[in-house]
C-alpha cells in the first residue's frame, strides 16, 4: 500500500457492558475526536505489540475510541508518544 492509510472505524453494534457505542455518523455527546497525533501512517509503518493492562482500562479505552471514531491503536500510539516525550533517553 503506497498511499496514506485512511482508517474507518466499524462501531455499529459494538457493545461493552451495558453500553452501546454510538455510530460514527452520530455526534458524540460529551467528547470530541482528538486531533491527529502526527501524519497519517501507511499500513506498513505499523507493527504488532502486546501489553497487559487492567480489564477496566481496556474496556474504557475501547468505548472511548469507538465514540471518538478512532482505532485503539491510534490512542495507544498517542499515549506511547506522550510517554516517550515525558521520559527522554539519558
PDB file of N, CA and C in Angstrom:
ATOM      1  N   UNK A   1       0.852  -1.167   0.000  1.00  0.00           N
ATOM      2  CA  UNK A   1       0.000   0.000   0.000  1.00  0.00           C
ATOM      3  C   UNK A   1       0.900   1.233   0.000  1.00  0.00           C
ATOM      4  N   UNK A   2       0.831   2.051  -1.052  1.00  0.00           N
ATOM      5  CA  UNK A   2       1.730   3.184  -1.175  1.00  0.00           C
ATOM      6  C   UNK A   2       1.127   4.487  -0.682  1.00  0.00           C
ATOM      7  N   UNK A   3      -0.165   4.661  -0.788  1.00  0.00           N
ATOM      8  CA  UNK A   3      -0.806   5.915  -0.387  1.00  0.00           C
ATOM      9  C   UNK A   3      -1.021   5.979   1.106  1.00  0.00           C
ATOM     10  N   UNK A   4      -1.559   7.099   1.588  1.00  0.00           N
ATOM     11  CA  UNK A   4      -1.832   7.237   3.018  1.00  0.00           C
ATOM     12  C   UNK A   4      -2.932   6.275   3.450  1.00  0.00           C
ATOM     13  N   UNK A   5      -2.866   5.861   4.679  1.00  0.00           N
ATOM     14  CA  UNK A   5      -3.848   4.951   5.251  1.00  0.00           C
ATOM     15  C   UNK A   5      -4.970   5.774   5.853  1.00  0.00           C
ATOM     16  N   UNK A   6      -6.182   5.522   5.415  1.00  0.00           N
ATOM     17  CA  UNK A   6      -7.347   6.203   5.970  1.00  0.00           C
ATOM     18  C   UNK A   6      -8.136   5.182   6.757  1.00  0.00           C
ATOM     19  N   UNK A   7      -8.147   5.310   8.068  1.00  0.00           N
ATOM     20  CA  UNK A   7      -8.786   4.345   8.949  1.00  0.00           C
ATOM     21  C   UNK A   7     -10.245   4.717   9.153  1.00  0.00           C
ATOM     22  N   UNK A   8     -11.117   3.752   9.003  1.00  0.00           N
ATOM     23  CA  UNK A   8     -12.548   3.969   9.184  1.00  0.00           C
ATOM     24  C   UNK A   8     -13.027   2.996  10.250  1.00  0.00           C
ATOM     25  N   UNK A   9     -13.543   3.512  11.373  1.00  0.00           N
ATOM     26  CA  UNK A   9     -13.989   2.617  12.436  1.00  0.00           C
ATOM     27  C   UNK A   9     -15.296   1.917  12.066  1.00  0.00           C
ATOM     28  N   UNK A  10     -15.471   0.728  12.553  1.00  0.00           N
ATOM     29  CA  UNK A  10     -16.716  -0.015  12.399  1.00  0.00           C
ATOM     30  C   UNK A  10     -17.268  -0.233  13.797  1.00  0.00           C
ATOM     31  N   UNK A  11     -18.164   0.652  14.244  1.00  0.00           N
ATOM     32  CA  UNK A  11     -18.644   0.597  15.620  1.00  0.00           C
ATOM     33  C   UNK A  11     -20.105   0.184  15.728  1.00  0.00           C
ATOM     34  N   UNK A  12     -20.778  -0.013  14.606  1.00  0.00           N
ATOM     35  CA  UNK A  12     -22.177  -0.401  14.665  1.00  0.00           C
ATOM     36  C   UNK A  12     -22.309  -1.714  15.421  1.00  0.00           C
ATOM     37  N   UNK A  13     -23.170  -1.730  16.408  1.00  0.00           N
ATOM     38  CA  UNK A  13     -23.417  -2.939  17.171  1.00  0.00           C
ATOM     39  C   UNK A  13     -22.369  -3.255  18.225  1.00  0.00           C
ATOM     40  N   UNK A  14     -21.363  -2.399  18.411  1.00  0.00           N
ATOM     41  CA  UNK A  14     -20.333  -2.633  19.420  1.00  0.00           C
ATOM     42  C   UNK A  14     -20.946  -2.459  20.799  1.00  0.00           C
ATOM     43  N   UNK A  15     -20.810  -3.474  21.642  1.00  0.00           N
ATOM     44  CA  UNK A  15     -21.344  -3.398  22.997  1.00  0.00           C
ATOM     45  C   UNK A  15     -20.237  -3.697  23.987  1.00  0.00           C
ATOM     46  N   UNK A  16     -20.155  -2.857  25.010  1.00  0.00           N
ATOM     47  CA  UNK A  16     -19.231  -3.085  26.112  1.00  0.00           C
ATOM     48  C   UNK A  16     -20.050  -2.909  27.377  1.00  0.00           C
ATOM     49  N   UNK A  17     -20.179  -3.983  28.136  1.00  0.00           N
ATOM     50  CA  UNK A  17     -21.020  -3.925  29.326  1.00  0.00           C
ATOM     51  C   UNK A  17     -22.456  -3.654  28.930  1.00  0.00           C
ATOM     52  N   UNK A  18     -23.084  -2.642  29.532  1.00  0.00           N
ATOM     53  CA  UNK A  18     -24.461  -2.319  29.176  1.00  0.00           C
ATOM     54  C   UNK A  18     -24.540  -1.093  28.276  1.00  0.00           C
ATOM     55  N   UNK A  19     -23.420  -0.685  27.691  1.00  0.00           N
ATOM     56  CA  UNK A  19     -23.396   0.479  26.818  1.00  0.00           C
ATOM     57  C   UNK A  19     -23.223   0.041  25.373  1.00  0.00           C
ATOM     58  N   UNK A  20     -23.906   0.724  24.471  1.00  0.00           N
ATOM     59  CA  UNK A  20     -23.713   0.503  23.043  1.00  0.00           C
ATOM     60  C   UNK A  20     -23.023   1.734  22.503  1.00  0.00           C
ATOM     61  N   UNK A  21     -21.924   1.538  21.773  1.00  0.00           N
ATOM     62  CA  UNK A  21     -21.184   2.659  21.206  1.00  0.00           C
ATOM     63  C   UNK A  21     -22.037   3.349  20.155  1.00  0.00           C
ATOM     64  N   UNK A  22     -21.870   4.663  20.044  1.00  0.00           N
ATOM     65  CA  UNK A  22     -22.598   5.426  19.049  1.00  0.00           C
ATOM     66  C   UNK A  22     -22.064   5.125  17.666  1.00  0.00           C
ATOM     67  N   UNK A  23     -22.904   5.272  16.694  1.00  0.00           N
ATOM     68  CA  UNK A  23     -22.473   5.140  15.305  1.00  0.00           C
ATOM     69  C   UNK A  23     -21.542   6.291  14.992  1.00  0.00           C
ATOM     70  N   UNK A  24     -20.599   6.072  14.093  1.00  0.00           N
ATOM     71  CA  UNK A  24     -19.664   7.118  13.695  1.00  0.00           C
ATOM     72  C   UNK A  24     -20.402   8.288  13.060  1.00  0.00           C
ATOM     73  N   UNK A  25     -21.616   8.051  12.540  1.00  0.00           N
ATOM     74  CA  UNK A  25     -22.384   9.121  11.912  1.00  0.00           C
ATOM     75  C   UNK A  25     -23.055  10.018  12.943  1.00  0.00           C
ATOM     76  N   UNK A  26     -23.232   9.526  14.169  1.00  0.00           N
ATOM     77  CA  UNK A  26     -23.863  10.309  15.223  1.00  0.00           C
ATOM     78  C   UNK A  26     -22.830  11.147  15.954  1.00  0.00           C
ATOM     79  N   UNK A  27     -23.161  12.372  16.312  1.00  0.00           N
ATOM     80  CA  UNK A  27     -22.195  13.182  17.058  1.00  0.00           C
ATOM     81  C   UNK A  27     -22.021  12.654  18.474  1.00  0.00           C
ATOM     82  N   UNK A  28     -20.816  12.744  18.983  1.00  0.00           N
ATOM     83  CA  UNK A  28     -20.537  12.352  20.363  1.00  0.00           C
ATOM     84  C   UNK A  28     -21.194  13.360  21.286  1.00  0.00           C
ATOM     85  N   UNK A  29     -21.709  12.896  22.426  1.00  0.00           N
ATOM     86  CA  UNK A  29     -22.424  13.794  23.313  1.00  0.00           C
ATOM     87  C   UNK A  29     -21.504  14.655  24.164  1.00  0.00           C
ATOM     88  N   UNK A  30     -20.417  14.085  24.659  1.00  0.00           N
ATOM     89  CA  UNK A  30     -19.578  14.862  25.559  1.00  0.00           C
ATOM     90  C   UNK A  30     -18.130  14.980  25.107  1.00  0.00           C
ATOM     91  N   UNK A  31     -17.702  14.132  24.216  1.00  0.00           N
ATOM     92  CA  UNK A  31     -16.297  14.150  23.813  1.00  0.00           C
ATOM     93  C   UNK A  31     -16.184  14.411  22.314  1.00  0.00           C
ATOM     94  N   UNK A  32     -15.179  15.124  21.945  1.00  0.00           N
ATOM     95  CA  UNK A  32     -14.896  15.386  20.543  1.00  0.00           C
ATOM     96  C   UNK A  32     -13.648  14.626  20.154  1.00  0.00           C
ATOM     97  N   UNK A  33     -13.528  14.233  18.884  1.00  0.00           N
ATOM     98  CA  UNK A  33     -12.327  13.499  18.475  1.00  0.00           C
ATOM     99  C   UNK A  33     -11.063  14.300  18.743  1.00  0.00           C
ATOM    100  N   UNK A  34     -10.037  13.595  19.179  1.00  0.00           N
ATOM    101  CA  UNK A  34      -8.752  14.237  19.420  1.00  0.00           C
ATOM    102  C   UNK A  34      -8.101  14.552  18.081  1.00  0.00           C
ATOM    103  N   UNK A  35      -7.304  15.598  18.016  1.00  0.00           N
ATOM    104  CA  UNK A  35      -6.611  15.872  16.765  1.00  0.00           C
ATOM    105  C   UNK A  35      -5.664  14.741  16.423  1.00  0.00           C
ATOM    106  N   UNK A  36      -5.384  14.594  15.161  1.00  0.00           N
ATOM    107  CA  UNK A  36      -4.484  13.532  14.714  1.00  0.00           C
ATOM    108  C   UNK A  36      -3.140  13.671  15.413  1.00  0.00           C
ATOM    109  N   UNK A  37      -2.580  12.557  15.819  1.00  0.00           N
ATOM    110  CA  UNK A  37      -1.297  12.558  16.533  1.00  0.00           C
ATOM    111  C   UNK A  37      -0.163  12.375  15.544  1.00  0.00           C
ATOM    112  N   UNK A  38      -0.040  13.279  14.617  1.00  0.00           N
ATOM    113  CA  UNK A  38       1.021  13.176  13.616  1.00  0.00           C
ATOM    114  C   UNK A  38       0.451  12.856  12.255  1.00  0.00           C
ATOM    115  N   UNK A  39       1.315  12.672  11.274  1.00  0.00           N
ATOM    116  CA  UNK A  39       0.847  12.397   9.923  1.00  0.00           C
ATOM    117  C   UNK A  39       0.171  11.036   9.819  1.00  0.00           C
ATOM    118  N   UNK A  40      -0.710  10.901   8.847  1.00  0.00           N
ATOM    119  CA  UNK A  40      -1.373   9.629   8.621  1.00  0.00           C
ATOM    120  C   UNK A  40      -0.321   8.601   8.217  1.00  0.00           C
ATOM    121  N   UNK A  41      -0.325   7.458   8.878  1.00  0.00           N
ATOM    122  CA  UNK A  41       0.695   6.435   8.646  1.00  0.00           C
ATOM    123  C   UNK A  41       0.230   5.439   7.592  1.00  0.00           C
ATOM    124  N   UNK A  42       1.184   4.905   6.884  1.00  0.00           N
ATOM    125  CA  UNK A  42       0.896   3.810   5.966  1.00  0.00           C
ATOM    126  C   UNK A  42       0.753   2.542   6.791  1.00  0.00           C
ATOM    127  N   UNK A  43      -0.002   1.591   6.286  1.00  0.00           N
ATOM    128  CA  UNK A  43      -0.190   0.327   6.991  1.00  0.00           C
ATOM    129  C   UNK A  43       1.148  -0.338   7.285  1.00  0.00           C
ATOM    130  N   UNK A  44       2.116  -0.219   6.377  1.00  0.00           N
ATOM    131  CA  UNK A  44       3.413  -0.871   6.573  1.00  0.00           C
ATOM    132  C   UNK A  44       4.249  -0.210   7.667  1.00  0.00           C
ATOM    133  N   UNK A  45       3.834   0.964   8.155  1.00  0.00           N
ATOM    134  CA  UNK A  45       4.555   1.647   9.226  1.00  0.00           C
ATOM    135  C   UNK A  45       4.200   1.083  10.606  1.00  0.00           C
ATOM    136  N   UNK A  46       3.175   0.250  10.695  1.00  0.00           N
ATOM    137  CA  UNK A  46       2.696  -0.266  11.960  1.00  0.00           C
ATOM    138  C   UNK A  46       3.244  -1.666  12.205  1.00  0.00           C
ATOM    139  N   UNK A  47       3.527  -1.992  13.466  1.00  0.00           N
ATOM    140  CA  UNK A  47       3.926  -3.335  13.870  1.00  0.00           C
ATOM    141  C   UNK A  47       3.043  -3.752  15.042  1.00  0.00           C
ATOM    142  N   UNK A  48       2.890  -5.044  15.228  1.00  0.00           N
ATOM    143  CA  UNK A  48       2.086  -5.552  16.330  1.00  0.00           C
ATOM    144  C   UNK A  48       2.886  -5.500  17.619  1.00  0.00           C
ATOM    145  N   UNK A  49       2.201  -5.133  18.704  1.00  0.00           N
ATOM    146  CA  UNK A  49       2.837  -5.053  20.014  1.00  0.00           C
ATOM    147  C   UNK A  49       1.789  -5.444  21.045  1.00  0.00           C
ATOM    148  N   UNK A  50       2.157  -6.232  22.007  1.00  0.00           N
ATOM    149  CA  UNK A  50       1.198  -6.659  23.020  1.00  0.00           C
ATOM    150  C   UNK A  50       1.564  -6.110  24.386  1.00  0.00           C
ATOM    151  N   UNK A  51       0.550  -5.876  25.188  1.00  0.00           N
ATOM    152  CA  UNK A  51       0.766  -5.399  26.551  1.00  0.00           C
ATOM    153  C   UNK A  51      -0.394  -5.869  27.418  1.00  0.00           C
ATOM    154  N   UNK A  52      -0.123  -6.143  28.662  1.00  0.00           N
ATOM    155  CA  UNK A  52      -1.169  -6.493  29.610  1.00  0.00           C
ATOM    156  C   UNK A  52      -1.588  -5.230  30.346  1.00  0.00           C
ATOM    157  N   UNK A  53      -2.898  -4.967  30.350  1.00  0.00           N
ATOM    158  CA  UNK A  53      -3.455  -3.816  31.066  1.00  0.00           C
ATOM    159  C   UNK A  53      -4.670  -4.306  31.855  1.00  0.00           C
ATOM    160  N   UNK A  54      -5.045  -3.582  32.895  1.00  0.00           N
ATOM    161  CA  UNK A  54      -6.248  -3.965  33.639  1.00  0.00           C
ATOM    162  C   UNK A  54      -7.480  -3.978  32.722  1.00  0.00           C
ATOM    163  N   UNK A  55      -8.402  -4.928  32.972  1.00  0.00           N
ATOM    164  CA  UNK A  55      -9.599  -5.074  32.137  1.00  0.00           C
ATOM    165  C   UNK A  55     -10.401  -3.781  32.042  1.00  0.00           C
ATOM    166  N   UNK A  56     -10.527  -3.068  33.150  1.00  0.00           N
ATOM    167  CA  UNK A  56     -11.324  -1.837  33.153  1.00  0.00           C
ATOM    168  C   UNK A  56     -10.720  -0.774  32.234  1.00  0.00           C
ATOM    169  N   UNK A  57      -9.396  -0.721  32.176  1.00  0.00           N
ATOM    170  CA  UNK A  57      -8.742   0.247  31.283  1.00  0.00           C
ATOM    171  C   UNK A  57      -9.019  -0.119  29.830  1.00  0.00           C
ATOM    172  N   UNK A  58      -8.910  -1.416  29.502  1.00  0.00           N
ATOM    173  CA  UNK A  58      -9.168  -1.833  28.126  1.00  0.00           C
ATOM    174  C   UNK A  58     -10.614  -1.544  27.730  1.00  0.00           C
ATOM    175  N   UNK A  59     -11.564  -1.831  28.618  1.00  0.00           N
ATOM    176  CA  UNK A  59     -12.976  -1.571  28.322  1.00  0.00           C
ATOM    177  C   UNK A  59     -13.218  -0.090  28.095  1.00  0.00           C
ATOM    178  N   UNK A  60     -12.679   0.745  28.976  1.00  0.00           N
ATOM    179  CA  UNK A  60     -12.869   2.190  28.847  1.00  0.00           C
ATOM    180  C   UNK A  60     -12.227   2.713  27.562  1.00  0.00           C
ATOM    181  N   UNK A  61     -11.048   2.205  27.236  1.00  0.00           N
ATOM    182  CA  UNK A  61     -10.357   2.618  26.014  1.00  0.00           C
ATOM    183  C   UNK A  61     -11.163   2.229  24.777  1.00  0.00           C
ATOM    184  N   UNK A  62     -11.690   1.016  24.775  1.00  0.00           N
ATOM    185  CA  UNK A  62     -12.467   0.527  23.632  1.00  0.00           C
ATOM    186  C   UNK A  62     -13.713   1.387  23.406  1.00  0.00           C
ATOM    187  N   UNK A  63     -14.429   1.688  24.480  1.00  0.00           N
ATOM    188  CA  UNK A  63     -15.640   2.509  24.373  1.00  0.00           C
ATOM    189  C   UNK A  63     -15.291   3.925  23.924  1.00  0.00           C
ATOM    190  N   UNK A  64     -14.272   4.527  24.554  1.00  0.00           N
ATOM    191  CA  UNK A  64     -13.899   5.898  24.208  1.00  0.00           C
ATOM    192  C   UNK A  64     -13.449   6.009  22.759  1.00  0.00           C
ATOM    193  N   UNK A  65     -12.648   5.060  22.293  1.00  0.00           N
ATOM    194  CA  UNK A  65     -12.185   5.079  20.905  1.00  0.00           C
ATOM    195  C   UNK A  65     -13.345   4.935  19.939  1.00  0.00           C
ATOM    196  N   UNK A  66     -14.294   4.050  20.270  1.00  0.00           N
ATOM    197  CA  UNK A  66     -15.468   3.876  19.409  1.00  0.00           C
ATOM    198  C   UNK A  66     -16.269   5.168  19.329  1.00  0.00           C
ATOM    199  N   UNK A  67     -16.453   5.811  20.453  1.00  0.00           N
ATOM    200  CA  UNK A  67     -17.222   7.065  20.467  1.00  0.00           C
ATOM    201  C   UNK A  67     -16.503   8.188  19.719  1.00  0.00           C
ATOM    202  N   UNK A  68     -15.173   8.175  19.761  1.00  0.00           N
ATOM    203  CA  UNK A  68     -14.395   9.199  19.057  1.00  0.00           C
ATOM    204  C   UNK A  68     -14.170   8.841  17.591  1.00  0.00           C
ATOM    205  N   UNK A  69     -14.480   7.608  17.230  1.00  0.00           N
ATOM    206  CA  UNK A  69     -14.313   7.193  15.844  1.00  0.00           C
ATOM    207  C   UNK A  69     -12.875   6.928  15.445  1.00  0.00           C
ATOM    208  N   UNK A  70     -12.061   6.460  16.406  1.00  0.00           N
ATOM    209  CA  UNK A  70     -10.663   6.136  16.108  1.00  0.00           C
ATOM    210  C   UNK A  70     -10.391   4.692  16.485  1.00  0.00           C
ATOM    211  N   UNK A  71      -9.312   4.149  15.972  1.00  0.00           N
ATOM    212  CA  UNK A  71      -8.916   2.797  16.348  1.00  0.00           C
ATOM    213  C   UNK A  71      -8.134   2.837  17.652  1.00  0.00           C
ATOM    214  N   UNK A  72      -8.194   1.747  18.394  1.00  0.00           N
ATOM    215  CA  UNK A  72      -7.481   1.679  19.664  1.00  0.00           C
ATOM    216  C   UNK A  72      -5.984   1.857  19.461  1.00  0.00           C
ATOM    217  N   UNK A  73      -5.460   1.367  18.353  1.00  0.00           N
ATOM    218  CA  UNK A  73      -4.022   1.500  18.108  1.00  0.00           C
ATOM    219  C   UNK A  73      -3.611   2.963  17.975  1.00  0.00           C
ATOM    220  N   UNK A  74      -4.510   3.812  17.469  1.00  0.00           N
ATOM    221  CA  UNK A  74      -4.187   5.235  17.368  1.00  0.00           C
ATOM    222  C   UNK A  74      -4.061   5.857  18.759  1.00  0.00           C
ATOM    223  N   UNK A  75      -4.973   5.505  19.653  1.00  0.00           N
ATOM    224  CA  UNK A  75      -4.917   6.026  21.021  1.00  0.00           C
ATOM    225  C   UNK A  75      -3.670   5.514  21.739  1.00  0.00           C
ATOM    226  N   UNK A  76      -3.337   4.242  21.532  1.00  0.00           N
ATOM    227  CA  UNK A  76      -2.141   3.679  22.161  1.00  0.00           C
ATOM    228  C   UNK A  76      -0.880   4.361  21.638  1.00  0.00           C
ATOM    229  N   UNK A  77      -0.803   4.571  20.335  1.00  0.00           N
ATOM    230  CA  UNK A  77       0.373   5.231  19.761  1.00  0.00           C
ATOM    231  C   UNK A  77       0.524   6.642  20.326  1.00  0.00           C
ATOM    232  N   UNK A  78      -0.595   7.353  20.491  1.00  0.00           N
ATOM    233  CA  UNK A  78      -0.546   8.699  21.064  1.00  0.00           C
ATOM    234  C   UNK A  78      -0.043   8.656  22.508  1.00  0.00           C
ATOM    235  N   UNK A  79      -0.498   7.662  23.274  1.00  0.00           N
ATOM    236  CA  UNK A  79      -0.047   7.524  24.674  1.00  0.00           C
ATOM    237  C   UNK A  79       1.439   7.186  24.735  1.00  0.00           C
ATOM    238  N   UNK A  80       1.898   6.299  23.850  1.00  0.00           N
ATOM    239  CA  UNK A  80       3.320   5.946  23.832  1.00  0.00           C
ATOM    240  C   UNK A  80       4.175   7.158  23.468  1.00  0.00           C
ATOM    241  N   UNK A  81       3.722   7.947  22.487  1.00  0.00           N
ATOM    242  CA  UNK A  81       4.473   9.159  22.102  1.00  0.00           C
ATOM    243  C   UNK A  81       4.581  10.131  23.279  1.00  0.00           C
ATOM    244  N   UNK A  82       3.463  10.321  23.981  1.00  0.00           N
ATOM    245  CA  UNK A  82       3.457  11.237  25.131  1.00  0.00           C
ATOM    246  C   UNK A  82       4.412  10.742  26.212  1.00  0.00           C
ATOM    247  N   UNK A  83       4.426   9.438  26.467  1.00  0.00           N
ATOM    248  CA  UNK A  83       5.324   8.881  27.480  1.00  0.00           C
ATOM    249  C   UNK A  83       6.777   9.068  27.072  1.00  0.00           C
ATOM    250  N   UNK A  84       7.083   8.818  25.797  1.00  0.00           N
ATOM    251  CA  UNK A  84       8.460   8.975  25.314  1.00  0.00           C
ATOM    252  C   UNK A  84       8.921  10.434  25.413  1.00  0.00           C
ATOM    253  N   UNK A  85       8.025  11.385  25.132  1.00  0.00           N
ATOM    254  CA  UNK A  85       8.382  12.800  25.256  1.00  0.00           C
ATOM    255  C   UNK A  85       8.623  13.177  26.720  1.00  0.00           C
ATOM    256  N   UNK A  86       7.815  12.610  27.613  1.00  0.00           N
ATOM    257  CA  UNK A  86       7.939  12.905  29.047  1.00  0.00           C
ATOM    258  C   UNK A  86       9.191  12.261  29.651  1.00  0.00           C
ATOM    259  N   UNK A  87       9.630  11.157  29.079  1.00  0.00           N
ATOM    260  CA  UNK A  87      10.768  10.402  29.603  1.00  0.00           C
ATOM    261  C   UNK A  87      11.864  10.285  28.538  1.00  0.00           C
ATOM    262  N   UNK A  88      12.586  11.368  28.256  1.00  0.00           N
ATOM    263  CA  UNK A  88      13.607  11.319  27.209  1.00  0.00           C
ATOM    264  C   UNK A  88      14.764  10.379  27.584  1.00  0.00           C
ATOM    265  N   UNK A  89      15.404   9.879  26.562  1.00  0.00           N
ATOM    266  CA  UNK A  89      16.566   8.998  26.781  1.00  0.00           C
ATOM    267  C   UNK A  89      17.673   9.788  27.459  1.00  0.00           C
ATOM    268  N   UNK A  90      18.427   9.132  28.352  1.00  0.00           N
ATOM    269  CA  UNK A  90      19.510   9.850  29.060  1.00  0.00           C
ATOM    270  C   UNK A  90      20.643  10.211  28.107  1.00  0.00           C
TER     271      UNK A  90
END
